[in-house]
Amino acid sequence: MPAYHRLGQIPPKRHTQFRKPDGTLYSEELFGTEGFSGNYANLYYNYPPTRVKKVEPYKRVAYEEWNEEVQRHHHLKTANLPRGGDAVLGRQVLMFNKDVALAVAQPTIAMDYYFRNAECDEVYFVHDGQGVLETNFGLLPYHEGDYIVIPRGATFRFKIGNDSPDSRFLVIEAHGTIEPPRRYLNKNGQMLEHSPYCERDIRRPEELETHTERGDFEVRVKVGNLITSYWYDFHPINTVGWDGCEYPWIFNIADFEPITGRVHQPPPVHQTFQGPNFVVCSFVPRKLDYHPLSIPVPYNHSNIDSEEMLYYVNGNFGSRRGIERSSITLHPRGIPHGPHPGAVEKSLGAERTEELAVMVDTFHPLKLTAAAQSCDDPAYPYSWLD
């Protein structure tokens, strides 16, 4: 879990009277997970978060599934997907299962509402662009390479910088908690000395923007496939202070310290986060294997119990050919995959790779959507032919 953090004004004792300068009480909210047994924060507002003036339907979210009748490898050229929408509801889901949905967002319009995913943690990987994530926990400036981790229930809005008209995100939506791998933590929750990143690398909200203006403000709340519009007569970002261990945070992929060895290391050494029945890994620029007879590219392997989705960010991925920036490959269970012909010989003697990629391995099968079909390369399964 993120380390304890506090921001703004809070009373010396939780669940006690905390008064405004005019003598009236601030409104407290316990922001807790897993009932009252998981991580939590206590937030204090100018206005009660329960004060809603109107509730109305917005829409239902539905993925049009691509019912392909074969099991095969896929290469999705997501650069060909049309841009559109905002950073949240403009996302295009490419694959999903009961645990996670994986999407790409290429926003062209600003968000004129706030959003709250009341069921799922989300990670936005910032491929291109920069801006500020406004949340009820404070402001989080972001830039390229950032993993923005947003816990379920947080209220937020993306403010994309004017110099980032071509922003692009890889979005991971999980039905549960996204967190650092437990094997990186000691029994007290501190990150271990040999973990590939530590608390010092994590950016937390450091500036609290408190709005007190009145008017009509919309928060779109997603639960399951239903999005509901909640209207308030006050600004939803009116927090005066908070503390706890549940809040949005950022980790940049450039701060991941790669683990290398004499021979090729398996993907678990690149693990960055864990989620419900999936893991997220970061492949970053690094020195390659240094055994005198090492083969730097991956060996052929079968995903017997998992699905492997790889999002190519930058650099030259040595085991693949014909892969573009922002390409996605999906190597499903049951079929071996590995380096393309010629890649093994070409890699011999290489001392370094500049590849940058994000991988999501799921332990339940992924279903593809019509959006994935629209950018699929049907020749990819045959790319291992000489």
Protein backbone atom coordinates (compact mmCIF):
# COMPACT_ATOMS: atom_id res chain seq x y z
CA MET A 1 0.00 0.00 0.00
CA PRO A 2 1.18 3.62 -0.37
CA ALA A 3 2.89 5.02 2.72
CA TYR A 4 0.93 7.20 5.14
CA HIS A 5 0.46 10.74 3.83
CA ARG A 6 -1.33 13.88 4.98
CA LEU A 7 -2.18 17.11 3.23
CA GLY A 8 -4.01 20.29 4.21
CA GLN A 9 -5.81 20.87 7.50
CA ILE A 10 -7.00 18.00 9.69
CA PRO A 11 -8.05 17.80 13.35
CA PRO A 12 -5.63 16.29 15.88
CA LYS A 13 -7.98 13.33 16.46
CA ARG A 14 -10.07 11.54 13.84
CA HIS A 15 -13.87 11.50 14.13
CA THR A 16 -13.85 14.58 16.38
CA GLN A 17 -15.19 18.11 15.92
CA PHE A 18 -13.32 20.10 13.28
CA ARG A 19 -14.67 23.59 12.83
CA LYS A 20 -14.45 26.21 10.11
CA PRO A 21 -13.44 29.79 10.93
CA ASP A 22 -17.16 30.66 11.15
CA GLY A 23 -17.71 27.99 13.81
CA THR A 24 -19.61 25.47 11.68
CA LEU A 25 -18.31 21.95 11.24
CA TYR A 26 -16.33 20.62 8.33
CA SER A 27 -17.75 17.37 6.94
CA GLU A 28 -15.65 14.20 7.42
CA GLU A 29 -15.61 11.21 5.06
CA LEU A 30 -14.00 7.86 5.78
CA PHE A 31 -12.68 6.70 2.39
CA GLY A 32 -12.21 2.99 3.08
CA THR A 33 -11.75 -0.24 1.13
CA GLU A 34 -12.86 -3.78 1.99
CA GLY A 35 -15.54 -2.51 4.32
CA PHE A 36 -13.74 -1.16 7.36
CA SER A 37 -10.85 -3.63 7.10
CA GLY A 38 -8.72 -2.38 4.17
CA ASN A 39 -6.66 0.71 3.39
CA TYR A 40 -8.39 4.01 4.10
CA ALA A 41 -8.07 7.76 4.31
CA ASN A 42 -10.07 10.39 6.20
CA LEU A 43 -11.06 13.46 4.16
CA TYR A 44 -12.53 16.75 5.37
CA TYR A 45 -14.76 18.88 3.14
CA ASN A 46 -16.42 22.28 3.16
CA TYR A 47 -19.65 20.63 1.97
CA PRO A 48 -21.10 17.21 2.85
CA PRO A 49 -20.32 14.75 0.02
CA THR A 50 -23.81 13.30 0.51
CA ARG A 51 -25.53 16.52 -0.59
CA VAL A 52 -26.81 15.65 -4.09
CA LYS A 53 -29.32 17.82 -5.96
CA LYS A 54 -30.07 15.50 -8.88
CA VAL A 55 -29.36 11.91 -9.92
CA GLU A 56 -29.96 10.86 -13.52
CA PRO A 57 -28.83 8.14 -15.92
CA TYR A 58 -25.89 8.87 -18.18
CA LYS A 59 -25.28 5.66 -20.14
CA ARG A 60 -24.37 1.99 -19.98
CA VAL A 61 -20.96 0.81 -21.09
CA ALA A 62 -20.91 -2.20 -23.40
CA TYR A 63 -18.00 -3.83 -25.20
CA GLU A 64 -18.78 -5.20 -28.63
CA GLU A 65 -16.98 -8.53 -28.49
CA TRP A 66 -15.01 -9.91 -31.43
CA ASN A 67 -16.11 -13.53 -31.54
CA GLU A 68 -13.18 -14.96 -33.43
CA GLU A 69 -13.40 -18.69 -34.09
CA VAL A 70 -9.70 -19.47 -33.75
CA GLN A 71 -7.08 -19.21 -31.00
CA ARG A 72 -4.14 -17.24 -32.37
CA HIS A 73 -1.56 -14.57 -31.68
CA HIS A 74 -2.51 -10.95 -32.37
CA HIS A 75 -0.73 -7.77 -33.33
CA LEU A 76 -2.87 -4.67 -32.85
CA LYS A 77 -1.65 -1.54 -34.61
CA THR A 78 -3.33 0.86 -32.21
CA ALA A 79 -1.78 3.90 -33.89
CA ASN A 80 -4.48 3.34 -36.53
CA LEU A 81 -7.31 3.78 -34.04
CA PRO A 82 -9.20 7.06 -34.49
CA ARG A 83 -8.62 9.76 -31.90
CA GLY A 84 -11.60 11.14 -30.06
CA GLY A 85 -13.47 11.78 -26.84
CA ASP A 86 -11.94 12.72 -23.52
CA ALA A 87 -9.33 10.91 -21.42
CA VAL A 88 -11.88 8.83 -19.49
CA LEU A 89 -15.00 8.06 -21.50
CA GLY A 90 -13.11 8.32 -24.77
CA ARG A 91 -11.07 5.22 -24.01
CA GLN A 92 -11.33 2.34 -26.46
CA VAL A 93 -11.34 -1.04 -24.74
CA LEU A 94 -9.38 -3.63 -26.73
CA MET A 95 -9.54 -6.69 -24.47
CA PHE A 96 -11.10 -7.68 -21.19
CA ASN A 97 -12.02 -10.46 -18.80
CA LYS A 98 -13.78 -10.59 -15.43
CA ASP A 99 -10.74 -9.10 -13.67
CA VAL A 100 -9.43 -6.38 -15.96
CA ALA A 101 -10.11 -4.26 -19.05
CA LEU A 102 -7.27 -2.91 -21.21
CA ALA A 103 -7.83 0.19 -23.30
CA VAL A 104 -6.21 3.02 -25.21
CA ALA A 105 -7.29 6.64 -24.83
CA GLN A 106 -6.38 9.35 -27.35
CA PRO A 107 -8.39 12.36 -26.15
CA THR A 108 -9.28 15.30 -28.35
CA ILE A 109 -11.65 17.14 -26.00
CA ALA A 110 -11.45 18.33 -22.41
CA MET A 111 -13.44 16.84 -19.53
CA ASP A 112 -16.29 19.14 -18.48
CA TYR A 113 -17.25 16.78 -15.63
CA TYR A 114 -15.56 14.82 -12.85
CA PHE A 115 -15.39 11.03 -12.79
CA ARG A 116 -15.48 8.37 -10.10
CA ASN A 117 -14.97 4.68 -10.78
CA ALA A 118 -16.71 3.31 -7.72
CA GLU A 119 -15.79 -0.32 -8.43
CA CYS A 120 -12.39 -0.48 -10.12
CA ASP A 121 -8.87 0.72 -9.48
CA GLU A 122 -7.37 2.29 -12.61
CA VAL A 123 -3.87 2.83 -13.94
CA TYR A 124 -3.23 5.36 -16.68
CA PHE A 125 0.15 4.86 -18.34
CA VAL A 126 1.09 8.16 -19.99
CA HIS A 127 2.61 7.34 -23.38
CA ASP A 128 2.41 10.89 -24.74
CA GLY A 129 1.49 14.21 -23.21
CA GLN A 130 1.48 15.97 -19.89
CA GLY A 131 -1.01 17.72 -17.66
CA VAL A 132 -2.54 17.63 -14.19
CA LEU A 133 -4.85 15.10 -12.60
CA GLU A 134 -7.29 17.00 -10.37
CA THR A 135 -8.56 14.84 -7.49
CA ASN A 136 -10.30 15.24 -4.18
CA PHE A 137 -6.92 14.30 -2.66
CA GLY A 138 -5.09 17.16 -4.41
CA LEU A 139 -3.27 17.80 -7.64
CA LEU A 140 -0.99 15.31 -9.40
CA PRO A 141 1.05 16.77 -12.28
CA TYR A 142 1.93 14.01 -14.75
CA HIS A 143 4.17 13.57 -17.80
CA GLU A 144 5.34 10.91 -20.23
CA GLY A 145 6.25 7.58 -18.71
CA ASP A 146 4.08 8.00 -15.62
CA TYR A 147 1.93 5.25 -14.20
CA ILE A 148 -0.98 7.14 -12.59
CA VAL A 149 -2.59 4.83 -10.00
CA ILE A 150 -6.14 5.93 -9.13
CA PRO A 151 -7.92 3.98 -6.36
CA ARG A 152 -11.57 3.11 -6.76
CA GLY A 153 -13.88 5.74 -5.34
CA ALA A 154 -11.57 8.70 -5.97
CA THR A 155 -13.11 11.71 -7.73
CA PHE A 156 -10.89 13.05 -10.51
CA ARG A 157 -10.57 14.90 -13.80
CA PHE A 158 -7.75 15.14 -16.33
CA LYS A 159 -6.57 18.64 -17.27
CA ILE A 160 -4.41 18.05 -20.33
CA GLY A 161 -1.72 20.61 -21.06
CA ASN A 162 -2.23 22.98 -23.98
CA ASP A 163 1.06 21.72 -25.42
CA SER A 164 -0.19 18.11 -25.45
CA PRO A 165 -2.81 17.93 -28.23
CA ASP A 166 -1.75 14.36 -29.05
CA SER A 167 -1.98 12.83 -25.58
CA ARG A 168 -2.10 9.06 -25.43
CA PHE A 169 -2.73 6.68 -22.53
CA LEU A 170 -2.74 2.95 -21.98
CA VAL A 171 -5.53 2.34 -19.45
CA ILE A 172 -5.79 -0.62 -17.06
CA GLU A 173 -9.12 -0.96 -15.22
CA ALA A 174 -9.12 -3.62 -12.50
CA HIS A 175 -11.91 -5.12 -10.41
CA GLY A 176 -9.81 -4.86 -7.28
CA THR A 177 -6.64 -3.30 -5.90
CA ILE A 178 -3.62 -2.38 -8.02
CA GLU A 179 -0.56 -2.20 -5.78
CA PRO A 180 3.18 -2.96 -5.58
CA PRO A 181 3.91 -6.70 -5.55
CA ARG A 182 3.69 -8.13 -2.05
CA ARG A 183 7.05 -9.87 -2.53
CA TYR A 184 8.69 -6.43 -2.65
CA LEU A 185 7.44 -5.61 0.86
CA ASN A 186 8.65 -6.62 4.30
CA LYS A 187 6.26 -7.79 7.01
CA ASN A 188 5.65 -4.17 8.06
CA GLY A 189 4.77 -2.98 4.55
CA GLN A 190 8.02 -1.16 3.73
CA MET A 191 9.56 -1.84 0.33
CA LEU A 192 12.55 -4.14 0.59
CA GLU A 193 16.10 -3.06 -0.16
CA HIS A 194 16.29 -5.31 -3.23
CA SER A 195 12.96 -4.20 -4.75
CA PRO A 196 13.32 -2.43 -8.15
CA TYR A 197 11.76 0.77 -6.79
CA CYS A 198 10.96 2.22 -3.39
CA GLU A 199 8.76 4.77 -1.62
CA ARG A 200 11.11 7.59 -2.58
CA ASP A 201 10.21 7.03 -6.25
CA ILE A 202 6.47 7.50 -5.65
CA ARG A 203 4.89 10.92 -6.21
CA ARG A 204 1.92 11.82 -4.04
CA PRO A 205 -0.44 14.81 -4.09
CA GLU A 206 1.49 17.74 -2.61
CA GLU A 207 -0.86 20.63 -3.43
CA LEU A 208 -4.47 20.79 -2.31
CA GLU A 209 -6.76 22.95 -4.44
CA THR A 210 -9.86 23.77 -2.39
CA HIS A 211 -12.87 25.08 -4.32
CA THR A 212 -15.73 26.73 -2.45
CA GLU A 213 -17.71 28.05 -5.43
CA ARG A 214 -21.37 27.12 -5.87
CA GLY A 215 -23.15 26.20 -9.10
CA ASP A 216 -24.02 23.08 -11.08
CA PHE A 217 -21.30 20.41 -11.07
CA GLU A 218 -21.49 16.91 -12.51
CA VAL A 219 -19.72 13.78 -11.25
CA ARG A 220 -20.18 10.69 -13.42
CA VAL A 221 -20.06 7.57 -11.27
CA LYS A 222 -19.33 4.16 -12.81
CA VAL A 223 -20.40 0.92 -11.13
CA GLY A 224 -20.28 -2.20 -13.28
CA ASN A 225 -21.38 -1.17 -16.77
CA LEU A 226 -23.64 1.63 -15.50
CA ILE A 227 -22.60 5.29 -15.43
CA THR A 228 -24.82 7.65 -13.42
CA SER A 229 -24.68 11.45 -13.37
CA TYR A 230 -24.65 12.97 -9.89
CA TRP A 231 -25.28 16.72 -9.82
CA TYR A 232 -24.17 18.93 -6.93
CA ASP A 233 -24.74 22.59 -6.13
CA PHE A 234 -21.12 22.92 -4.97
CA HIS A 235 -17.73 22.14 -6.47
CA PRO A 236 -16.87 18.45 -5.80
CA ILE A 237 -13.20 19.28 -5.20
CA ASN A 238 -13.71 21.15 -1.92
CA THR A 239 -11.37 19.15 0.31
CA VAL A 240 -9.58 21.12 3.07
CA GLY A 241 -7.41 18.24 4.27
CA TRP A 242 -6.94 14.49 4.53
CA ASP A 243 -4.65 11.78 5.81
CA GLY A 244 -4.29 8.03 5.40
CA CYS A 245 -2.93 5.28 3.18
CA GLU A 246 -5.44 5.24 0.29
CA TYR A 247 -4.97 7.93 -2.36
CA PRO A 248 -3.88 8.46 -5.99
CA TRP A 249 -0.16 8.26 -6.68
CA ILE A 250 2.33 8.20 -9.55
CA PHE A 251 5.36 6.08 -10.39
CA ASN A 252 7.42 6.80 -13.50
CA ILE A 253 8.67 3.89 -15.58
CA ALA A 254 12.11 5.54 -15.83
CA ASP A 255 12.51 5.03 -12.07
CA PHE A 256 12.18 1.24 -12.37
CA GLU A 257 15.62 -0.26 -11.71
CA PRO A 258 15.99 -3.33 -13.94
CA ILE A 259 17.24 -6.61 -12.53
CA THR A 260 19.74 -8.29 -14.87
CA GLY A 261 21.75 -11.51 -14.79
CA ARG A 262 24.35 -13.62 -16.56
CA VAL A 263 21.61 -15.35 -18.58
CA HIS A 264 18.21 -14.15 -19.76
CA GLN A 265 15.90 -13.22 -16.90
CA PRO A 266 12.18 -14.18 -16.97
CA PRO A 267 9.38 -11.57 -16.93
CA PRO A 268 8.75 -11.70 -13.13
CA VAL A 269 11.94 -9.67 -12.58
CA HIS A 270 10.21 -6.83 -14.46
CA GLN A 271 7.04 -6.89 -12.35
CA THR A 272 5.90 -3.43 -11.29
CA PHE A 273 2.35 -3.91 -9.93
CA GLN A 274 -0.01 -6.70 -9.03
CA GLY A 275 -3.77 -6.72 -9.50
CA PRO A 276 -6.57 -9.26 -9.14
CA ASN A 277 -5.38 -12.21 -11.25
CA PHE A 278 -2.92 -10.15 -13.30
CA VAL A 279 0.49 -8.49 -13.10
CA VAL A 280 1.98 -5.41 -14.75
CA CYS A 281 5.64 -5.47 -15.86
CA SER A 282 7.97 -2.74 -17.13
CA PHE A 283 10.61 -3.53 -19.75
CA VAL A 284 13.08 -0.65 -19.57
CA PRO A 285 16.47 0.20 -21.13
CA ARG A 286 19.07 -1.99 -19.46
CA LYS A 287 22.29 -3.93 -19.80
CA LEU A 288 21.84 -7.39 -21.26
CA ASP A 289 23.02 -10.80 -20.09
CA TYR A 290 26.75 -11.17 -19.56
CA HIS A 291 27.38 -14.93 -19.66
CA PRO A 292 29.92 -15.49 -22.50
CA LEU A 293 27.43 -17.78 -24.27
CA SER A 294 24.25 -15.88 -23.37
CA ILE A 295 21.35 -15.37 -25.76
CA PRO A 296 19.98 -11.92 -24.89
CA VAL A 297 16.52 -12.29 -26.45
CA PRO A 298 13.79 -14.40 -24.78
CA TYR A 299 13.68 -18.13 -25.34
CA ASN A 300 10.57 -19.70 -26.88
CA HIS A 301 7.93 -20.15 -24.22
CA SER A 302 4.30 -21.21 -23.83
CA ASN A 303 1.84 -19.27 -21.69
CA ILE A 304 0.14 -22.37 -20.36
CA ASP A 305 -1.72 -20.58 -17.58
CA SER A 306 -1.75 -16.94 -18.66
CA GLU A 307 -2.32 -14.43 -21.45
CA GLU A 308 0.51 -12.01 -22.34
CA MET A 309 -0.33 -8.51 -23.57
CA LEU A 310 2.63 -6.31 -24.47
CA TYR A 311 2.34 -2.60 -25.24
CA TYR A 312 5.35 -1.23 -27.14
CA VAL A 313 6.25 2.28 -25.96
CA ASN A 314 9.59 3.21 -27.52
CA GLY A 315 12.88 1.77 -28.69
CA ASN A 316 13.72 -1.36 -30.63
CA PHE A 317 12.25 -4.55 -29.21
CA GLY A 318 14.95 -7.01 -30.21
CA SER A 319 12.86 -10.18 -30.35
CA ARG A 320 10.24 -8.74 -32.74
CA ARG A 321 10.13 -7.37 -36.27
CA GLY A 322 7.41 -5.27 -37.85
CA ILE A 323 6.38 -3.84 -34.47
CA GLU A 324 5.45 -0.17 -34.39
CA ARG A 325 5.38 2.39 -31.62
CA SER A 326 2.12 1.86 -29.63
CA SER A 327 1.65 -1.61 -31.12
CA ILE A 328 0.10 -4.25 -28.88
CA THR A 329 0.81 -7.96 -29.14
CA LEU A 330 -1.37 -10.57 -27.47
CA HIS A 331 0.09 -14.04 -27.02
CA PRO A 332 -2.69 -16.20 -25.56
CA ARG A 333 -2.46 -19.46 -23.69
CA GLY A 334 -1.86 -22.68 -25.50
CA ILE A 335 0.45 -21.42 -28.25
CA PRO A 336 4.26 -21.08 -27.97
CA HIS A 337 5.83 -17.79 -28.96
CA GLY A 338 9.33 -16.39 -28.95
CA PRO A 339 11.87 -14.45 -31.00
CA HIS A 340 11.24 -13.94 -34.68
CA PRO A 341 13.54 -15.70 -37.19
CA GLY A 342 16.99 -14.14 -37.19
CA ALA A 343 16.49 -12.35 -33.87
CA VAL A 344 18.53 -14.85 -31.87
CA GLU A 345 21.58 -14.62 -34.13
CA LYS A 346 21.26 -10.84 -34.36
CA SER A 347 21.21 -10.49 -30.58
CA LEU A 348 24.40 -12.45 -29.90
CA GLY A 349 27.04 -10.19 -28.39
CA ALA A 350 24.62 -7.34 -27.70
CA GLU A 351 25.35 -5.64 -24.41
CA ARG A 352 22.37 -3.32 -24.03
CA THR A 353 18.76 -2.80 -25.10
CA GLU A 354 16.85 0.48 -25.33
CA GLU A 355 13.42 -1.16 -25.41
CA LEU A 356 10.57 0.38 -23.42
CA ALA A 357 7.34 -1.59 -23.05
CA VAL A 358 4.52 -2.33 -20.62
CA MET A 359 3.30 -5.89 -20.21
CA VAL A 360 0.09 -7.16 -18.61
CA ASP A 361 -0.11 -10.89 -17.91
CA THR A 362 -3.57 -12.14 -16.96
CA PHE A 363 -4.39 -15.50 -15.42
CA HIS A 364 -7.81 -15.75 -17.05
CA PRO A 365 -8.43 -15.61 -20.83
CA LEU A 366 -8.83 -12.22 -22.47
CA LYS A 367 -11.67 -11.48 -24.87
CA LEU A 368 -11.05 -9.14 -27.79
CA THR A 369 -13.39 -6.34 -28.83
CA ALA A 370 -14.48 -4.93 -32.17
CA ALA A 371 -12.03 -2.06 -31.61
CA ALA A 372 -9.23 -4.64 -31.48
CA GLN A 373 -10.49 -6.24 -34.68
CA SER A 374 -10.37 -2.87 -36.45
CA CYS A 375 -6.59 -2.57 -35.95
CA ASP A 376 -5.57 -6.24 -36.02
CA ASP A 377 -2.79 -7.46 -38.31
CA PRO A 378 -4.10 -10.83 -39.59
CA ALA A 379 -0.64 -11.82 -40.90
CA TYR A 380 0.99 -11.74 -37.46
CA PRO A 381 0.51 -15.46 -36.63
CA TYR A 382 2.68 -16.28 -39.67
CA SER A 383 5.47 -13.83 -38.84
CA TRP A 384 7.64 -16.68 -37.47
CA LEU A 385 8.00 -18.13 -40.97
CA ASP A 386 11.45 -17.59 -42.51
